[in-house]
Structure formats: structure tokens, C-alpha cells
PDB file of N, CA and C in Angstrom:
ATOM      1  N   MET A   1       8.835  -9.448  -2.735  1.00  0.00           N
ATOM      2  CA  MET A   1       7.812  -8.463  -3.017  1.00  0.00           C
ATOM      3  C   MET A   1       8.416  -7.174  -3.572  1.00  0.00           C
ATOM      4  N   VAL A   2       9.548  -6.781  -3.030  1.00  0.00           N
ATOM      5  CA  VAL A   2      10.167  -5.539  -3.491  1.00  0.00           C
ATOM      6  C   VAL A   2      10.591  -5.658  -4.948  1.00  0.00           C
ATOM      7  N   ILE A   3      11.147  -6.810  -5.339  1.00  0.00           N
ATOM      8  CA  ILE A   3      11.566  -7.004  -6.729  1.00  0.00           C
ATOM      9  C   ILE A   3      10.365  -6.883  -7.655  1.00  0.00           C
ATOM     10  N   ALA A   4       9.236  -7.477  -7.280  1.00  0.00           N
ATOM     11  CA  ALA A   4       8.026  -7.363  -8.092  1.00  0.00           C
ATOM     12  C   ALA A   4       7.580  -5.909  -8.202  1.00  0.00           C
ATOM     13  N   SER A   5       7.733  -5.150  -7.134  1.00  0.00           N
ATOM     14  CA  SER A   5       7.369  -3.733  -7.159  1.00  0.00           C
ATOM     15  C   SER A   5       8.238  -2.959  -8.136  1.00  0.00           C
ATOM     16  N   PHE A   6       9.545  -3.230  -8.119  1.00  0.00           N
ATOM     17  CA  PHE A   6      10.456  -2.575  -9.063  1.00  0.00           C
ATOM     18  C   PHE A   6      10.063  -2.910 -10.500  1.00  0.00           C
ATOM     19  N   GLU A   7       9.762  -4.180 -10.746  1.00  0.00           N
ATOM     20  CA  GLU A   7       9.376  -4.603 -12.095  1.00  0.00           C
ATOM     21  C   GLU A   7       8.089  -3.923 -12.533  1.00  0.00           C
ATOM     22  N   THR A   8       7.139  -3.821 -11.628  1.00  0.00           N
ATOM     23  CA  THR A   8       5.864  -3.174 -11.947  1.00  0.00           C
ATOM     24  C   THR A   8       6.069  -1.714 -12.306  1.00  0.00           C
ATOM     25  N   VAL A   9       6.870  -1.004 -11.513  1.00  0.00           N
ATOM     26  CA  VAL A   9       7.152   0.406 -11.794  1.00  0.00           C
ATOM     27  C   VAL A   9       7.844   0.537 -13.152  1.00  0.00           C
ATOM     28  N   TYR A  10       8.803  -0.336 -13.421  1.00  0.00           N
ATOM     29  CA  TYR A  10       9.536  -0.293 -14.692  1.00  0.00           C
ATOM     30  C   TYR A  10       8.585  -0.501 -15.874  1.00  0.00           C
ATOM     31  N   ILE A  11       7.722  -1.500 -15.771  1.00  0.00           N
ATOM     32  CA  ILE A  11       6.791  -1.817 -16.862  1.00  0.00           C
ATOM     33  C   ILE A  11       5.816  -0.666 -17.086  1.00  0.00           C
ATOM     34  N   ILE A  12       5.217  -0.176 -16.010  1.00  0.00           N
ATOM     35  CA  ILE A  12       4.237   0.913 -16.141  1.00  0.00           C
ATOM     36  C   ILE A  12       4.893   2.157 -16.723  1.00  0.00           C
ATOM     37  N   SER A  13       6.098   2.473 -16.276  1.00  0.00           N
ATOM     38  CA  SER A  13       6.809   3.644 -16.797  1.00  0.00           C
ATOM     39  C   SER A  13       7.090   3.495 -18.285  1.00  0.00           C
ATOM     40  N   ASN A  14       7.557   2.316 -18.684  1.00  0.00           N
ATOM     41  CA  ASN A  14       7.879   2.099 -20.100  1.00  0.00           C
ATOM     42  C   ASN A  14       6.639   2.107 -20.979  1.00  0.00           C
ATOM     43  N   VAL A  15       5.591   1.424 -20.559  1.00  0.00           N
ATOM     44  CA  VAL A  15       4.367   1.350 -21.359  1.00  0.00           C
ATOM     45  C   VAL A  15       3.749   2.734 -21.544  1.00  0.00           C
ATOM     46  N   ASN A  16       3.846   3.566 -20.521  1.00  0.00           N
ATOM     47  CA  ASN A  16       3.245   4.896 -20.570  1.00  0.00           C
ATOM     48  C   ASN A  16       4.228   5.988 -20.977  1.00  0.00           C
ATOM     49  N   ASP A  17       5.413   5.566 -21.410  1.00  0.00           N
ATOM     50  CA  ASP A  17       6.428   6.505 -21.889  1.00  0.00           C
ATOM     51  C   ASP A  17       6.744   7.581 -20.847  1.00  0.00           C
ATOM     52  N   LEU A  18       6.890   7.140 -19.587  1.00  0.00           N
ATOM     53  CA  LEU A  18       7.205   8.036 -18.483  1.00  0.00           C
ATOM     54  C   LEU A  18       8.700   8.028 -18.202  1.00  0.00           C
ATOM     55  N   PRO A  19       9.225   9.064 -17.568  1.00  0.00           N
ATOM     56  CA  PRO A  19      10.654   9.064 -17.223  1.00  0.00           C
ATOM     57  C   PRO A  19      10.959   7.988 -16.185  1.00  0.00           C
ATOM     58  N   GLU A  20      12.224   7.658 -16.080  1.00  0.00           N
ATOM     59  CA  GLU A  20      12.650   6.672 -15.086  1.00  0.00           C
ATOM     60  C   GLU A  20      12.239   7.147 -13.696  1.00  0.00           C
ATOM     61  N   GLN A  21      11.700   6.230 -12.909  1.00  0.00           N
ATOM     62  CA  GLN A  21      11.194   6.577 -11.589  1.00  0.00           C
ATOM     63  C   GLN A  21      12.315   6.561 -10.553  1.00  0.00           C
ATOM     64  N   ILE A  22      12.217   7.439  -9.577  1.00  0.00           N
ATOM     65  CA  ILE A  22      13.172   7.491  -8.475  1.00  0.00           C
ATOM     66  C   ILE A  22      12.626   6.627  -7.344  1.00  0.00           C
ATOM     67  N   ILE A  23      13.431   5.734  -6.848  1.00  0.00           N
ATOM     68  CA  ILE A  23      13.007   4.838  -5.779  1.00  0.00           C
ATOM     69  C   ILE A  23      13.695   5.252  -4.486  1.00  0.00           C
ATOM     70  N   ILE A  24      12.890   5.502  -3.455  1.00  0.00           N
ATOM     71  CA  ILE A  24      13.398   5.888  -2.144  1.00  0.00           C
ATOM     72  C   ILE A  24      13.186   4.696  -1.221  1.00  0.00           C
ATOM     73  N   LEU A  25      14.262   3.975  -0.941  1.00  0.00           N
ATOM     74  CA  LEU A  25      14.148   2.723  -0.199  1.00  0.00           C
ATOM     75  C   LEU A  25      13.534   2.887   1.185  1.00  0.00           C
ATOM     76  N   GLU A  26      13.734   4.036   1.822  1.00  0.00           N
ATOM     77  CA  GLU A  26      13.204   4.238   3.176  1.00  0.00           C
ATOM     78  C   GLU A  26      11.681   4.232   3.226  1.00  0.00           C
ATOM     79  N   ILE A  27      11.037   4.491   2.105  1.00  0.00           N
ATOM     80  CA  ILE A  27       9.570   4.549   2.116  1.00  0.00           C
ATOM     81  C   ILE A  27       8.928   3.509   1.201  1.00  0.00           C
ATOM     82  N   ILE A  28       9.702   2.542   0.745  1.00  0.00           N
ATOM     83  CA  ILE A  28       9.165   1.586  -0.215  1.00  0.00           C
ATOM     84  C   ILE A  28       8.163   0.623   0.409  1.00  0.00           C
ATOM     85  N   GLU A  29       8.303   0.335   1.665  1.00  0.00           N
ATOM     86  CA  GLU A  29       7.408  -0.618   2.312  1.00  0.00           C
ATOM     87  C   GLU A  29       6.544   0.070   3.352  1.00  0.00           C
ATOM     88  N   ARG A  30       5.312  -0.314   3.393  1.00  0.00           N
ATOM     89  CA  ARG A  30       4.388   0.136   4.426  1.00  0.00           C
ATOM     90  C   ARG A  30       4.016  -1.090   5.241  1.00  0.00           C
ATOM     91  N   TYR A  31       3.921  -0.953   6.535  1.00  0.00           N
ATOM     92  CA  TYR A  31       3.633  -2.085   7.408  1.00  0.00           C
ATOM     93  C   TYR A  31       2.127  -2.311   7.485  1.00  0.00           C
ATOM     94  N   PHE A  32       1.686  -3.521   7.090  1.00  0.00           N
ATOM     95  CA  PHE A  32       0.267  -3.839   7.041  1.00  0.00           C
ATOM     96  C   PHE A  32      -0.174  -4.805   8.136  1.00  0.00           C
ATOM     97  N   GLY A  33       0.714  -5.123   9.071  1.00  0.00           N
ATOM     98  CA  GLY A  33       0.346  -5.915  10.245  1.00  0.00           C
ATOM     99  C   GLY A  33      -0.492  -7.134   9.939  1.00  0.00           C
ATOM    100  N   MET A  34      -1.634  -7.245  10.613  1.00  0.00           N
ATOM    101  CA  MET A  34      -2.481  -8.425  10.535  1.00  0.00           C
ATOM    102  C   MET A  34      -3.080  -8.656   9.147  1.00  0.00           C
ATOM    103  N   ILE A  35      -3.091  -7.666   8.271  1.00  0.00           N
ATOM    104  CA  ILE A  35      -3.689  -7.874   6.952  1.00  0.00           C
ATOM    105  C   ILE A  35      -2.654  -8.186   5.865  1.00  0.00           C
ATOM    106  N   THR A  36      -1.388  -8.283   6.255  1.00  0.00           N
ATOM    107  CA  THR A  36      -0.338  -8.599   5.290  1.00  0.00           C
ATOM    108  C   THR A  36      -0.594  -9.954   4.648  1.00  0.00           C
ATOM    109  N   GLY A  37      -0.610  -9.987   3.335  1.00  0.00           N
ATOM    110  CA  GLY A  37      -0.744 -11.232   2.599  1.00  0.00           C
ATOM    111  C   GLY A  37      -2.128 -11.851   2.612  1.00  0.00           C
ATOM    112  N   ARG A  38      -3.103 -11.160   3.142  1.00  0.00           N
ATOM    113  CA  ARG A  38      -4.469 -11.707   3.216  1.00  0.00           C
ATOM    114  C   ARG A  38      -5.270 -11.304   1.982  1.00  0.00           C
ATOM    115  N   PHE A  39      -6.212 -12.149   1.606  1.00  0.00           N
ATOM    116  CA  PHE A  39      -7.110 -11.820   0.506  1.00  0.00           C
ATOM    117  C   PHE A  39      -8.107 -10.759   0.956  1.00  0.00           C
ATOM    118  N   ASP A  40      -8.537  -9.922   0.018  1.00  0.00           N
ATOM    119  CA  ASP A  40      -9.399  -8.803   0.391  1.00  0.00           C
ATOM    120  C   ASP A  40     -10.698  -9.240   1.060  1.00  0.00           C
ATOM    121  N   GLY A  41     -11.282 -10.354   0.654  1.00  0.00           N
ATOM    122  CA  GLY A  41     -12.509 -10.830   1.292  1.00  0.00           C
ATOM    123  C   GLY A  41     -12.310 -11.117   2.766  1.00  0.00           C
ATOM    124  N   TYR A  42     -11.166 -11.695   3.101  1.00  0.00           N
ATOM    125  CA  TYR A  42     -10.841 -11.985   4.498  1.00  0.00           C
ATOM    126  C   TYR A  42     -10.642 -10.687   5.277  1.00  0.00           C
ATOM    127  N   ILE A  43      -9.975  -9.733   4.654  1.00  0.00           N
ATOM    128  CA  ILE A  43      -9.736  -8.452   5.311  1.00  0.00           C
ATOM    129  C   ILE A  43     -11.068  -7.735   5.541  1.00  0.00           C
ATOM    130  N   GLU A  44     -11.942  -7.760   4.547  1.00  0.00           N
ATOM    131  CA  GLU A  44     -13.256  -7.133   4.714  1.00  0.00           C
ATOM    132  C   GLU A  44     -13.998  -7.742   5.895  1.00  0.00           C
ATOM    133  N   GLU A  45     -13.910  -9.055   6.026  1.00  0.00           N
ATOM    134  CA  GLU A  45     -14.574  -9.739   7.139  1.00  0.00           C
ATOM    135  C   GLU A  45     -13.982  -9.302   8.482  1.00  0.00           C
ATOM    136  N   MET A  46     -12.650  -9.235   8.550  1.00  0.00           N
ATOM    137  CA  MET A  46     -11.983  -8.848   9.792  1.00  0.00           C
ATOM    138  C   MET A  46     -12.233  -7.387  10.159  1.00  0.00           C
ATOM    139  N   CYS A  47     -12.369  -6.531   9.162  1.00  0.00           N
ATOM    140  CA  CYS A  47     -12.475  -5.091   9.388  1.00  0.00           C
ATOM    141  C   CYS A  47     -13.873  -4.563   9.058  1.00  0.00           C
ATOM    142  N   SER A  48     -14.854  -5.430   9.042  1.00  0.00           N
ATOM    143  CA  SER A  48     -16.175  -5.089   8.497  1.00  0.00           C
ATOM    144  C   SER A  48     -16.813  -3.837   9.094  1.00  0.00           C
ATOM    145  N   LEU A  49     -16.517  -3.518  10.335  1.00  0.00           N
ATOM    146  CA  LEU A  49     -17.119  -2.330  10.940  1.00  0.00           C
ATOM    147  C   LEU A  49     -16.409  -1.045  10.538  1.00  0.00           C
ATOM    148  N   ASP A  50     -15.241  -1.183   9.933  1.00  0.00           N
ATOM    149  CA  ASP A  50     -14.395  -0.017   9.664  1.00  0.00           C
ATOM    150  C   ASP A  50     -13.914   0.029   8.225  1.00  0.00           C
ATOM    151  N   ILE A  51     -14.845  -0.081   7.265  1.00  0.00           N
ATOM    152  CA  ILE A  51     -14.457  -0.004   5.859  1.00  0.00           C
ATOM    153  C   ILE A  51     -15.384   0.948   5.105  1.00  0.00           C
ATOM    154  N   ILE A  52     -14.866   1.464   4.020  1.00  0.00           N
ATOM    155  CA  ILE A  52     -15.670   2.203   3.056  1.00  0.00           C
ATOM    156  C   ILE A  52     -15.479   1.468   1.743  1.00  0.00           C
ATOM    157  N   LYS A  53     -16.571   1.021   1.145  1.00  0.00           N
ATOM    158  CA  LYS A  53     -16.463   0.212  -0.068  1.00  0.00           C
ATOM    159  C   LYS A  53     -17.240   0.875  -1.203  1.00  0.00           C
ATOM    160  N   THR A  54     -16.573   0.984  -2.363  1.00  0.00           N
ATOM    161  CA  THR A  54     -17.214   1.472  -3.577  1.00  0.00           C
ATOM    162  C   THR A  54     -17.091   0.373  -4.625  1.00  0.00           C
ATOM    163  N   ASP A  55     -17.577   0.622  -5.809  1.00  0.00           N
ATOM    164  CA  ASP A  55     -17.439  -0.356  -6.885  1.00  0.00           C
ATOM    165  C   ASP A  55     -15.980  -0.556  -7.276  1.00  0.00           C
ATOM    166  N   ALA A  56     -15.169   0.480  -7.092  1.00  0.00           N
ATOM    167  CA  ALA A  56     -13.789   0.440  -7.560  1.00  0.00           C
ATOM    168  C   ALA A  56     -12.762   0.121  -6.483  1.00  0.00           C
ATOM    169  N   ILE A  57     -13.039   0.444  -5.219  1.00  0.00           N
ATOM    170  CA  ILE A  57     -12.003   0.308  -4.195  1.00  0.00           C
ATOM    171  C   ILE A  57     -12.645   0.099  -2.820  1.00  0.00           C
ATOM    172  N   THR A  58     -11.902  -0.567  -1.962  1.00  0.00           N
ATOM    173  CA  THR A  58     -12.320  -0.732  -0.576  1.00  0.00           C
ATOM    174  C   THR A  58     -11.251  -0.125   0.313  1.00  0.00           C
ATOM    175  N   TYR A  59     -11.647   0.783   1.203  1.00  0.00           N
ATOM    176  CA  TYR A  59     -10.729   1.404   2.149  1.00  0.00           C
ATOM    177  C   TYR A  59     -10.894   0.714   3.502  1.00  0.00           C
ATOM    178  N   PHE A  60      -9.803   0.208   4.054  1.00  0.00           N
ATOM    179  CA  PHE A  60      -9.792  -0.383   5.381  1.00  0.00           C
ATOM    180  C   PHE A  60      -9.298   0.694   6.328  1.00  0.00           C
ATOM    181  N   LEU A  61     -10.188   1.229   7.142  1.00  0.00           N
ATOM    182  CA  LEU A  61      -9.893   2.453   7.878  1.00  0.00           C
ATOM    183  C   LEU A  61      -8.990   2.273   9.094  1.00  0.00           C
ATOM    184  N   ASN A  62      -9.140   1.178   9.821  1.00  0.00           N
ATOM    185  CA  ASN A  62      -8.396   1.093  11.065  1.00  0.00           C
ATOM    186  C   ASN A  62      -8.106  -0.345  11.489  1.00  0.00           C
ATOM    187  N   PRO A  63      -7.492  -1.162  10.629  1.00  0.00           N
ATOM    188  CA  PRO A  63      -7.171  -2.526  11.061  1.00  0.00           C
ATOM    189  C   PRO A  63      -6.098  -2.508  12.151  1.00  0.00           C
ATOM    190  N   ASP A  64      -6.152  -3.485  13.043  1.00  0.00           N
ATOM    191  CA  ASP A  64      -5.182  -3.562  14.139  1.00  0.00           C
ATOM    192  C   ASP A  64      -3.764  -3.692  13.613  1.00  0.00           C
ATOM    193  N   ASP A  65      -2.834  -3.016  14.259  1.00  0.00           N
ATOM    194  CA  ASP A  65      -1.403  -3.180  14.028  1.00  0.00           C
ATOM    195  C   ASP A  65      -0.964  -2.847  12.599  1.00  0.00           C
ATOM    196  N   VAL A  66      -1.608  -1.870  11.986  1.00  0.00           N
ATOM    197  CA  VAL A  66      -1.258  -1.465  10.619  1.00  0.00           C
ATOM    198  C   VAL A  66      -0.752  -0.029  10.653  1.00  0.00           C
ATOM    199  N   GLU A  67       0.306   0.221   9.902  1.00  0.00           N
ATOM    200  CA  GLU A  67       0.844   1.580   9.818  1.00  0.00           C
ATOM    201  C   GLU A  67      -0.204   2.506   9.199  1.00  0.00           C
ATOM    202  N   THR A  68      -0.528   3.578   9.887  1.00  0.00           N
ATOM    203  CA  THR A  68      -1.544   4.505   9.405  1.00  0.00           C
ATOM    204  C   THR A  68      -0.961   5.433   8.348  1.00  0.00           C
ATOM    205  N   LEU A  69      -1.842   6.084   7.618  1.00  0.00           N
ATOM    206  CA  LEU A  69      -1.377   7.056   6.631  1.00  0.00           C
ATOM    207  C   LEU A  69      -0.641   8.199   7.315  1.00  0.00           C
ATOM    208  N   ASP A  70      -1.124   8.606   8.490  1.00  0.00           N
ATOM    209  CA  ASP A  70      -0.400   9.631   9.257  1.00  0.00           C
ATOM    210  C   ASP A  70       1.011   9.164   9.600  1.00  0.00           C
ATOM    211  N   GLY A  71       1.142   7.893   9.965  1.00  0.00           N
ATOM    212  CA  GLY A  71       2.461   7.329  10.264  1.00  0.00           C
ATOM    213  C   GLY A  71       3.368   7.350   9.045  1.00  0.00           C
ATOM    214  N   VAL A  72       2.795   7.064   7.882  1.00  0.00           N
ATOM    215  CA  VAL A  72       3.576   7.116   6.637  1.00  0.00           C
ATOM    216  C   VAL A  72       4.046   8.546   6.383  1.00  0.00           C
ATOM    217  N   TYR A  73       3.150   9.522   6.568  1.00  0.00           N
ATOM    218  CA  TYR A  73       3.536  10.925   6.364  1.00  0.00           C
ATOM    219  C   TYR A  73       4.662  11.318   7.316  1.00  0.00           C
ATOM    220  N   ARG A  74       4.582  10.873   8.569  1.00  0.00           N
ATOM    221  CA  ARG A  74       5.650  11.190   9.539  1.00  0.00           C
ATOM    222  C   ARG A  74       6.971  10.545   9.091  1.00  0.00           C
ATOM    223  N   LYS A  75       6.895   9.300   8.628  1.00  0.00           N
ATOM    224  CA  LYS A  75       8.108   8.603   8.186  1.00  0.00           C
ATOM    225  C   LYS A  75       8.731   9.327   6.993  1.00  0.00           C
ATOM    226  N   VAL A  76       7.920   9.707   6.045  1.00  0.00           N
ATOM    227  CA  VAL A  76       8.427  10.415   4.865  1.00  0.00           C
ATOM    228  C   VAL A  76       9.019  11.768   5.250  1.00  0.00           C
ATOM    229  N   GLY A  77       8.407  12.419   6.230  1.00  0.00           N
ATOM    230  CA  GLY A  77       8.888  13.728   6.675  1.00  0.00           C
ATOM    231  C   GLY A  77      10.253  13.675   7.324  1.00  0.00           C
ATOM    232  N   THR A  78      10.707  12.504   7.751  1.00  0.00           N
ATOM    233  CA  THR A  78      12.025  12.383   8.390  1.00  0.00           C
ATOM    234  C   THR A  78      13.123  12.082   7.392  1.00  0.00           C
ATOM    235  N   ILE A  79      12.784  11.913   6.152  1.00  0.00           N
ATOM    236  CA  ILE A  79      13.788  11.546   5.134  1.00  0.00           C
ATOM    237  C   ILE A  79      14.341  12.786   4.470  1.00  0.00           C
TER     238      ILE A  79
END
């Protein structure tokens, strides 16, 4: 998965004529617990009481055992 992420960043940067991106390995992965590798329809079903859905995006607010955005901010703050 990480290799695909690097390739995606490289392609998007090149296509959009952006500077080379800096990769910080300590924050490259976020822990998604029970929703890791699941299709969005399945996740919506599992988290149906705790989602916000628009035409463009679905936010899963509080799935079990998933790193929260606050947790990500704390992790980034220690680097």
C-alpha cells in the first residue's frame, strides 16, 4: 500500500507540475482498525448511525478501533 501511495503522489505532482513532495514516514499511515480494506458500502452499513454523507464524500465519524483525527494531530505533534 505504501508503494502505491508513493506512486500516486509522484504521478499527481508530475501531472500538476508541482514540486517534489516531502514524505514523512512517521505519519504516512493512519490506523483504520475494523474498516481497513473494507468497501465503503460495508463501512456505511457498520457505521450507519455515525456518518455524514454528501454527494461527494462520506465521513465515518466514530468507527470502533480507528485512529481519530485528534490522535493523528497528537502523533504529528510529536515529530
